[in-house]
């Protein structure tokens, strides 16, 4: 698994998504409940940026139609979305947030 520096931990505000692009993949980084999560930034229902939505209870809500996605699994927890979005492994090294968007063979 190949990790890439996505941001500085100090750049991430609690419960405020930050959009980054890693190897051409749009990713929303979210610092919440003492952890950092990386989830694909594109809503599976409406093809809009999830990083513009709200974070609550380890979920991110799409700003357009209100679909919610679990930050740990990517599974939708609120309609109208029915398909999950990818989540990515995160490592913290010092102040660096490292994310892997590559799939293992």
C-alpha atoms as a PDB file:
ATOM      1  CA  UNK A   1       0.000   0.000   0.000  1.00  0.00           C
ATOM      2  CA  UNK A   2       1.424   3.357  -1.016  1.00  0.00           C
ATOM      3  CA  UNK A   3       0.774   6.362   1.241  1.00  0.00           C
ATOM      4  CA  UNK A   4       0.957   9.972   0.059  1.00  0.00           C
ATOM      5  CA  UNK A   5       1.071  13.124   2.182  1.00  0.00           C
ATOM      6  CA  UNK A   6      -2.379  14.682   1.893  1.00  0.00           C
ATOM      7  CA  UNK A   7      -2.179  17.565   4.371  1.00  0.00           C
ATOM      8  CA  UNK A   8      -0.731  18.736   7.656  1.00  0.00           C
ATOM      9  CA  UNK A   9      -2.693  17.610  10.696  1.00  0.00           C
ATOM     10  CA  UNK A  10      -2.583  21.196  11.935  1.00  0.00           C
ATOM     11  CA  UNK A  11      -4.524  22.272   8.792  1.00  0.00           C
ATOM     12  CA  UNK A  12      -7.533  20.124   9.706  1.00  0.00           C
ATOM     13  CA  UNK A  13     -10.189  21.774  11.846  1.00  0.00           C
ATOM     14  CA  UNK A  14     -12.415  19.570  13.977  1.00  0.00           C
ATOM     15  CA  UNK A  15     -15.614  18.536  12.112  1.00  0.00           C
ATOM     16  CA  UNK A  16     -14.693  20.633   9.051  1.00  0.00           C
ATOM     17  CA  UNK A  17     -14.037  18.626   5.863  1.00  0.00           C
ATOM     18  CA  UNK A  18     -11.027  19.553   3.720  1.00  0.00           C
ATOM     19  CA  UNK A  19     -10.943  18.629   0.040  1.00  0.00           C
ATOM     20  CA  UNK A  20      -7.635  17.406  -1.370  1.00  0.00           C
ATOM     21  CA  UNK A  21      -6.652  15.562  -4.515  1.00  0.00           C
ATOM     22  CA  UNK A  22      -4.416  12.506  -4.267  1.00  0.00           C
ATOM     23  CA  UNK A  23      -3.124  10.951  -7.484  1.00  0.00           C
ATOM     24  CA  UNK A  24      -6.135  12.379  -9.339  1.00  0.00           C
ATOM     25  CA  UNK A  25      -8.648  11.140  -6.746  1.00  0.00           C
ATOM     26  CA  UNK A  26     -10.795  13.740  -4.944  1.00  0.00           C
ATOM     27  CA  UNK A  27     -10.687  13.041  -1.204  1.00  0.00           C
ATOM     28  CA  UNK A  28     -12.391  14.659   1.761  1.00  0.00           C
ATOM     29  CA  UNK A  29     -10.271  14.632   4.913  1.00  0.00           C
ATOM     30  CA  UNK A  30     -12.219  14.862   8.161  1.00  0.00           C
ATOM     31  CA  UNK A  31     -10.847  15.256  11.673  1.00  0.00           C
ATOM     32  CA  UNK A  32     -13.495  14.202  14.184  1.00  0.00           C
ATOM     33  CA  UNK A  33     -13.830  12.307  17.443  1.00  0.00           C
ATOM     34  CA  UNK A  34     -10.044  12.152  17.857  1.00  0.00           C
ATOM     35  CA  UNK A  35      -9.416  10.505  14.474  1.00  0.00           C
ATOM     36  CA  UNK A  36      -8.763  11.516  10.876  1.00  0.00           C
ATOM     37  CA  UNK A  37     -10.778   9.919   8.094  1.00  0.00           C
ATOM     38  CA  UNK A  38     -10.363   9.981   4.306  1.00  0.00           C
ATOM     39  CA  UNK A  39     -13.439   9.410   2.159  1.00  0.00           C
ATOM     40  CA  UNK A  40     -13.975   9.885  -1.562  1.00  0.00           C
ATOM     41  CA  UNK A  41     -15.197  13.442  -2.028  1.00  0.00           C
ATOM     42  CA  UNK A  42     -17.896  12.627  -4.584  1.00  0.00           C
ATOM     43  CA  UNK A  43     -21.421  11.739  -3.416  1.00  0.00           C
ATOM     44  CA  UNK A  44     -22.580   8.445  -4.931  1.00  0.00           C
ATOM     45  CA  UNK A  45     -26.081   9.839  -5.412  1.00  0.00           C
ATOM     46  CA  UNK A  46     -25.623  13.287  -6.914  1.00  0.00           C
ATOM     47  CA  UNK A  47     -21.968  13.535  -8.046  1.00  0.00           C
ATOM     48  CA  UNK A  48     -21.255  16.633  -5.911  1.00  0.00           C
ATOM     49  CA  UNK A  49     -18.493  17.397  -3.397  1.00  0.00           C
ATOM     50  CA  UNK A  50     -19.028  15.886   0.054  1.00  0.00           C
ATOM     51  CA  UNK A  51     -16.448  18.249   1.560  1.00  0.00           C
ATOM     52  CA  UNK A  52     -19.012  21.031   1.289  1.00  0.00           C
ATOM     53  CA  UNK A  53     -21.311  19.137   3.665  1.00  0.00           C
ATOM     54  CA  UNK A  54     -21.679  18.904   7.435  1.00  0.00           C
ATOM     55  CA  UNK A  55     -19.976  16.433   9.787  1.00  0.00           C
ATOM     56  CA  UNK A  56     -21.820  14.930  12.752  1.00  0.00           C
ATOM     57  CA  UNK A  57     -21.566  11.656  14.697  1.00  0.00           C
ATOM     58  CA  UNK A  58     -18.772  10.262  12.470  1.00  0.00           C
ATOM     59  CA  UNK A  59     -20.846  10.879   9.329  1.00  0.00           C
ATOM     60  CA  UNK A  60     -20.641  13.397   6.520  1.00  0.00           C
ATOM     61  CA  UNK A  61     -23.843  14.752   4.988  1.00  0.00           C
ATOM     62  CA  UNK A  62     -24.099  15.751   1.348  1.00  0.00           C
ATOM     63  CA  UNK A  63     -25.151  19.381   1.092  1.00  0.00           C
ATOM     64  CA  UNK A  64     -27.375  18.852  -1.958  1.00  0.00           C
ATOM     65  CA  UNK A  65     -29.921  16.179  -1.000  1.00  0.00           C
ATOM     66  CA  UNK A  66     -28.938  15.294   2.571  1.00  0.00           C
ATOM     67  CA  UNK A  67     -27.491  11.818   2.027  1.00  0.00           C
ATOM     68  CA  UNK A  68     -25.197  10.829   4.909  1.00  0.00           C
ATOM     69  CA  UNK A  69     -22.152   8.555   4.723  1.00  0.00           C
ATOM     70  CA  UNK A  70     -20.333   6.814   7.575  1.00  0.00           C
ATOM     71  CA  UNK A  71     -16.750   8.114   7.625  1.00  0.00           C
ATOM     72  CA  UNK A  72     -15.436   4.708   8.771  1.00  0.00           C
ATOM     73  CA  UNK A  73     -17.106   2.551   6.109  1.00  0.00           C
ATOM     74  CA  UNK A  74     -18.428   4.860   3.384  1.00  0.00           C
ATOM     75  CA  UNK A  75     -21.862   3.246   3.688  1.00  0.00           C
ATOM     76  CA  UNK A  76     -24.845   5.532   3.253  1.00  0.00           C
ATOM     77  CA  UNK A  77     -26.776   6.083   6.448  1.00  0.00           C
ATOM     78  CA  UNK A  78     -29.403   8.354   4.992  1.00  0.00           C
ATOM     79  CA  UNK A  79     -31.398   8.417   1.777  1.00  0.00           C
ATOM     80  CA  UNK A  80     -31.483   9.193  -1.095  1.00  0.00           C
ATOM     81  CA  UNK A  81     -28.015   7.605  -1.526  1.00  0.00           C
ATOM     82  CA  UNK A  82     -28.006   3.799  -1.631  1.00  0.00           C
ATOM     83  CA  UNK A  83     -24.414   3.128  -2.804  1.00  0.00           C
ATOM     84  CA  UNK A  84     -21.352   3.553  -0.570  1.00  0.00           C
ATOM     85  CA  UNK A  85     -18.405   5.792  -1.386  1.00  0.00           C
ATOM     86  CA  UNK A  86     -14.811   4.564  -1.031  1.00  0.00           C
ATOM     87  CA  UNK A  87     -12.896   5.207   2.181  1.00  0.00           C
ATOM     88  CA  UNK A  88      -9.121   5.209   2.340  1.00  0.00           C
ATOM     89  CA  UNK A  89      -6.559   4.190   4.984  1.00  0.00           C
ATOM     90  CA  UNK A  90      -4.974   7.053   6.934  1.00  0.00           C
ATOM     91  CA  UNK A  91      -1.693   7.229   8.857  1.00  0.00           C
ATOM     92  CA  UNK A  92      -0.450  10.125  10.964  1.00  0.00           C
ATOM     93  CA  UNK A  93       3.314  10.705  11.096  1.00  0.00           C
ATOM     94  CA  UNK A  94       4.196  13.770  13.146  1.00  0.00           C
ATOM     95  CA  UNK A  95       2.110  16.567  11.606  1.00  0.00           C
ATOM     96  CA  UNK A  96       1.671  14.744   8.288  1.00  0.00           C
ATOM     97  CA  UNK A  97      -1.604  13.112   7.284  1.00  0.00           C
ATOM     98  CA  UNK A  98      -0.819  10.259   4.902  1.00  0.00           C
ATOM     99  CA  UNK A  99      -3.505   8.599   2.772  1.00  0.00           C
ATOM    100  CA  UNK A 100      -3.436   5.604   0.461  1.00  0.00           C
ATOM    101  CA  UNK A 101      -5.849   5.656  -2.475  1.00  0.00           C
ATOM    102  CA  UNK A 102      -4.222   2.664  -4.181  1.00  0.00           C
ATOM    103  CA  UNK A 103      -5.803  -0.781  -4.148  1.00  0.00           C
ATOM    104  CA  UNK A 104      -3.765  -3.770  -3.034  1.00  0.00           C
ATOM    105  CA  UNK A 105      -3.396  -6.464  -5.722  1.00  0.00           C
END
